[in-house]
Amino acid sequence: MSYHLSKKKLRIIEFLLIGVLFGLIEDVIAVKAVSDAVINPRVILTILAVAIPFAIVSELIVDHPRFWINIRLRRPDDEDNEKQKS
């Protein structure tokens, strides 16, 4: 059986998996490493409250295909591609 995901659905899955889940795991590790806090549901909710806005900025805004075009900047890898063409 073949599944076809639209670009929008794929971006939302990427946002949830990479942005939120990995952000949560990363922040739990950081909290555990630098404090004596017990990881409980309240700490998890606090971490999610911090991780979700960063995930939105990172995954849905900055990684949007037209982000760099809209702010008139080039991606660093675009410069490398131009150098290789020359």
C-alpha atoms as a PDB file:
ATOM      1  CA  MET A   1       0.000   0.000   0.000  1.00  0.00           C
ATOM      2  CA  SER A   2       1.399   3.381  -0.978  1.00  0.00           C
ATOM      3  CA  TYR A   3       0.786   6.520   1.044  1.00  0.00           C
ATOM      4  CA  HIS A   4       1.093   9.993  -0.388  1.00  0.00           C
ATOM      5  CA  LEU A   5       1.460  12.860   2.041  1.00  0.00           C
ATOM      6  CA  SER A   6       0.873  16.403   0.909  1.00  0.00           C
ATOM      7  CA  LYS A   7       3.631  18.928   1.541  1.00  0.00           C
ATOM      8  CA  LYS A   8       1.499  20.578   4.206  1.00  0.00           C
ATOM      9  CA  LYS A   9       0.931  17.314   6.097  1.00  0.00           C
ATOM     10  CA  LEU A  10       4.606  16.451   5.811  1.00  0.00           C
ATOM     11  CA  ARG A  11       5.589  19.850   7.241  1.00  0.00           C
ATOM     12  CA  ILE A  12       3.195  19.370  10.184  1.00  0.00           C
ATOM     13  CA  ILE A  13       4.589  15.895  10.903  1.00  0.00           C
ATOM     14  CA  GLU A  14       8.106  17.327  10.682  1.00  0.00           C
ATOM     15  CA  PHE A  15       7.084  20.134  13.049  1.00  0.00           C
ATOM     16  CA  LEU A  16       5.633  17.720  15.589  1.00  0.00           C
ATOM     17  CA  LEU A  17       8.411  15.151  15.415  1.00  0.00           C
ATOM     18  CA  ILE A  18      11.508  17.276  14.955  1.00  0.00           C
ATOM     19  CA  GLY A  19      10.429  20.571  16.441  1.00  0.00           C
ATOM     20  CA  VAL A  20       8.391  19.571  19.454  1.00  0.00           C
ATOM     21  CA  LEU A  21       9.475  16.030  20.326  1.00  0.00           C
ATOM     22  CA  PHE A  22      13.202  16.529  19.807  1.00  0.00           C
ATOM     23  CA  GLY A  23      12.988  19.952  21.478  1.00  0.00           C
ATOM     24  CA  LEU A  24      11.291  18.354  24.482  1.00  0.00           C
ATOM     25  CA  ILE A  25      13.900  15.596  24.739  1.00  0.00           C
ATOM     26  CA  GLU A  26      16.745  18.083  24.367  1.00  0.00           C
ATOM     27  CA  ASP A  27      15.321  20.382  27.042  1.00  0.00           C
ATOM     28  CA  VAL A  28      14.644  17.527  29.486  1.00  0.00           C
ATOM     29  CA  ILE A  29      18.296  16.493  29.139  1.00  0.00           C
ATOM     30  CA  ALA A  30      19.395  20.099  29.718  1.00  0.00           C
ATOM     31  CA  VAL A  31      17.180  20.531  32.802  1.00  0.00           C
ATOM     32  CA  LYS A  32      18.411  17.246  34.258  1.00  0.00           C
ATOM     33  CA  ALA A  33      22.056  18.118  33.540  1.00  0.00           C
ATOM     34  CA  VAL A  34      22.069  21.572  35.120  1.00  0.00           C
ATOM     35  CA  SER A  35      19.621  21.236  37.993  1.00  0.00           C
ATOM     36  CA  ASP A  36      18.419  18.865  40.644  1.00  0.00           C
ATOM     37  CA  ALA A  37      14.833  19.163  39.409  1.00  0.00           C
ATOM     38  CA  VAL A  38      12.672  16.079  39.429  1.00  0.00           C
ATOM     39  CA  ILE A  39      11.184  15.511  35.995  1.00  0.00           C
ATOM     40  CA  ASN A  40       7.433  15.442  36.593  1.00  0.00           C
ATOM     41  CA  PRO A  41       4.385  16.469  34.538  1.00  0.00           C
ATOM     42  CA  ARG A  42       4.665  20.090  35.682  1.00  0.00           C
ATOM     43  CA  VAL A  43       8.280  20.303  34.495  1.00  0.00           C
ATOM     44  CA  ILE A  44       7.328  18.631  31.198  1.00  0.00           C
ATOM     45  CA  LEU A  45       4.522  21.169  30.648  1.00  0.00           C
ATOM     46  CA  THR A  46       6.896  24.037  31.416  1.00  0.00           C
ATOM     47  CA  ILE A  47       9.436  22.641  28.970  1.00  0.00           C
ATOM     48  CA  LEU A  48       6.717  22.248  26.314  1.00  0.00           C
ATOM     49  CA  ALA A  49       5.630  25.848  26.899  1.00  0.00           C
ATOM     50  CA  VAL A  50       9.173  26.892  26.025  1.00  0.00           C
ATOM     51  CA  ALA A  51       9.844  24.316  23.283  1.00  0.00           C
ATOM     52  CA  ILE A  52       6.702  24.872  21.195  1.00  0.00           C
ATOM     53  CA  PRO A  53       7.333  28.550  20.300  1.00  0.00           C
ATOM     54  CA  PHE A  54      10.915  27.740  19.330  1.00  0.00           C
ATOM     55  CA  ALA A  55       9.694  24.801  17.258  1.00  0.00           C
ATOM     56  CA  ILE A  56       7.208  27.068  15.495  1.00  0.00           C
ATOM     57  CA  VAL A  57       9.898  29.577  14.620  1.00  0.00           C
ATOM     58  CA  SER A  58      12.379  26.917  13.596  1.00  0.00           C
ATOM     59  CA  GLU A  59      10.286  24.394  11.703  1.00  0.00           C
ATOM     60  CA  LEU A  60       7.319  26.327  10.355  1.00  0.00           C
ATOM     61  CA  ILE A  61       8.829  29.745   9.678  1.00  0.00           C
ATOM     62  CA  VAL A  62      12.576  29.470   9.059  1.00  0.00           C
ATOM     63  CA  ASP A  63      12.391  26.107   7.295  1.00  0.00           C
ATOM     64  CA  HIS A  64       9.527  27.258   5.062  1.00  0.00           C
ATOM     65  CA  PRO A  65      10.654  27.019   1.430  1.00  0.00           C
ATOM     66  CA  ARG A  66       9.946  30.705   0.751  1.00  0.00           C
ATOM     67  CA  PHE A  67      11.369  32.131   3.998  1.00  0.00           C
ATOM     68  CA  TRP A  68      14.746  33.125   2.576  1.00  0.00           C
ATOM     69  CA  ILE A  69      13.188  34.564  -0.562  1.00  0.00           C
ATOM     70  CA  ASN A  70      10.663  36.620   1.392  1.00  0.00           C
ATOM     71  CA  ILE A  71      13.287  38.315   3.550  1.00  0.00           C
ATOM     72  CA  ARG A  72      15.645  38.690   0.590  1.00  0.00           C
ATOM     73  CA  LEU A  73      18.463  36.689   2.081  1.00  0.00           C
ATOM     74  CA  ARG A  74      20.277  33.745   0.633  1.00  0.00           C
ATOM     75  CA  ARG A  75      20.830  30.451   2.286  1.00  0.00           C
ATOM     76  CA  PRO A  76      24.476  29.721   3.041  1.00  0.00           C
ATOM     77  CA  ASP A  77      24.370  26.642   0.792  1.00  0.00           C
ATOM     78  CA  ASP A  78      23.204  28.810  -2.142  1.00  0.00           C
ATOM     79  CA  GLU A  79      26.561  30.610  -2.086  1.00  0.00           C
ATOM     80  CA  ASP A  80      28.365  27.274  -2.191  1.00  0.00           C
ATOM     81  CA  ASN A  81      26.275  26.211  -5.191  1.00  0.00           C
ATOM     82  CA  GLU A  82      27.161  29.417  -7.049  1.00  0.00           C
ATOM     83  CA  LYS A  83      30.874  28.877  -6.372  1.00  0.00           C
ATOM     84  CA  GLN A  84      30.663  25.344  -7.752  1.00  0.00           C
ATOM     85  CA  LYS A  85      28.955  26.579 -10.934  1.00  0.00           C
ATOM     86  CA  SER A  86      31.726  29.124 -11.598  1.00  0.00           C
END
